[in-house]
Amino acid sequence: MNYHVISSLRCDPSITIFLGMPNDESNNKKYAIVLKNLLTDIRKELRELYRENDYPALFENLDAIENEFLPSVKSESSIFFVSSTFNEQVVVPFIVESSYHISDRFTTKKLLRQSNDYHHYYVLTLNDTESRLLEYQNGTLIGEMNDGLFPVTNSGYWTRDRLLNSMGSVRTNYQKEFYKSIDSHLQAFLNQSPHPVILAGVAENAAIYRSIANNNELIIGELNGNFTIDKGESLYDIGKMSAQLIDDHIFKQKELLIDTLDQFASKGRLEQDIIAIYMAAIKGRGQELIVEANYYEEAIITDGQVLINEVDRQHEDYVEDIVNEIIYQVMRYGGEVVFADKEALKSHGSIVLKTRY
């Protein structure tokens, strides 16, 4: 689901319903009750706010949500975007606080921020014959990609010639070609959802993959071992190990934060103005974005021109949060994003961008 499109839709009233389902208990039926209570409050507030108007289609959509809802058995959240002309449910792999928001447009900015968190990532398994793509959130498996792109099977990048197979350089070249095909499939996912990537395989395979990868900067670590089904691969163990690797990576990034900011500033490769940051990001110049975790900024973006002061929320080019636009562009071009607190950024403001040049 394209959150940017949803946030641009305008219909008064528009209702965004957040339903968090941690599933930390044996009974998941309680979430239907939580949703029912939210809907009761929504109907009451609608009648108070819009008592002079009649919205039968909107109330029908609310009834449909209540009647058709099936609680999840996974740890995830459901987000409902509802108006008289729109009714869409989105499932996200993280937990939100159960609540609702009524306005003249849907609210998505916190969803976008959480979707781009480093704790949401891919694990790419590598061996000579097959590659799988696994999606995790906070060490919990969201799912394995089975959509025609993954898993990728080595169906032609090898030879039966024993002499050629005995030559390491020949085997490596075949493996590189196989891994190039894997990488082209991976890029399709990264273009849509540019989350960090962890490689899972023996060290030699990971090194070969890094040598051909298009978005090396999104690869933040490796799990070394034989991660194949026939070797007894455990998706739970992969999740546990990768979560620790992610935590270690974030800790190291924050430790180096201030020193590297000063170094980049001295070289003229640090942008601190949000408009300049946006322009650099859309041109693919963003190497690393450091942003205060709770920093949001409304804007109007028209033909590459950005306005952040006195923003008219009714403008057709209004965006709820330009920071999320920047995050998306930085990661789309293979850059990294670090969420920091005010104390870590100190005199640098709420957002800075290290540029490639």
Foldseek 3Di string as FASTA:
>chain_A
DDVQVQQLDFAAKKKKWKQFQQLPDPDQCVSLVLLVVQLVVVVVVCCVVVVVDDQPLQVVLSVCCSVVDDGDNHGWMWMWITDSVDTDIDIGRHGDDGHMDIDRGDDCVVVLLQLADQQWEWEWEDDQFWIWIWTGGLLHTPDTDDDVLPTQGPPDLDDPPPVLVVDPVSSLVSLLVSLLSNQVSVLVVCLVRLHAYEYEEAPVSVVSNCVNHQQNLSHQYYHYDNQDVVVVHDSSVVSVVVSVSSVVSLVVCLVCPPVVQVVLVVVVQKDQDLLVLLLCLQVLFFAEKEFASPDFFKWFADPSDIDGPPDDPVDSRIGRGVVSVSSSSNSSSNHYYHHDHCVSCPPSPGMMTGTPD
